[in-house]
Amino acid sequence: MILISHRGNVDSVNIYKENTQSYIQEAIDLGYDVEIDVWCTSYDQLYLGHDKPENFVKIDWLLDRKDNLWVHCKNFKALTKLIELDLRVFYHTMEDYTIISDKHIWAHNLENIDENCIIPLIDEIDIKGWIPKLVFGVCSDYIGYLKND
């Protein structure tokens, strides 16, 4: 099972650092994959940020870390720009299941999951209360909790 840091967070939520290149790299250096949020502006520029484009990022930076990134495209323009690249990308709003470009499933419905699914257990209470099941990966702001188990 792979362990995925949510926006660079490993053992707590840091809204000031999450979705920044240095914070994401710190999580990668600790041995985690990282789910990131990417926007594409009307000027075709890419930005990291959850609720809005905040931190400029170059495509080369993303491609250099492609083996460790799970790219949540936050708008349609980001999806159309990044889907053609060698990155794992997905887009969702409130769907139970979303197909990732590498053919894994991002599963918000935890009732029906299997070894192809990545499940978001974002909150500390979610990850501490989770009874392990066969899944491809887990994404959390508290992913360090699973690394220590």
Foldseek 3Di string as FASTA:
>chain_A
DAEEEEQLFAAADDQVPGQELVSCVVSVVVPHAYEWEWEADPVRWIATDDPDRDHTDDPVSCVVRQVRYAYEYADPSSCVVPLPDSHFYWYDDDDQWTATSVGAIDGDPPVDAAQRYEYEQADPVSVVPDDDDRYVYYYYSHSNVVVVD
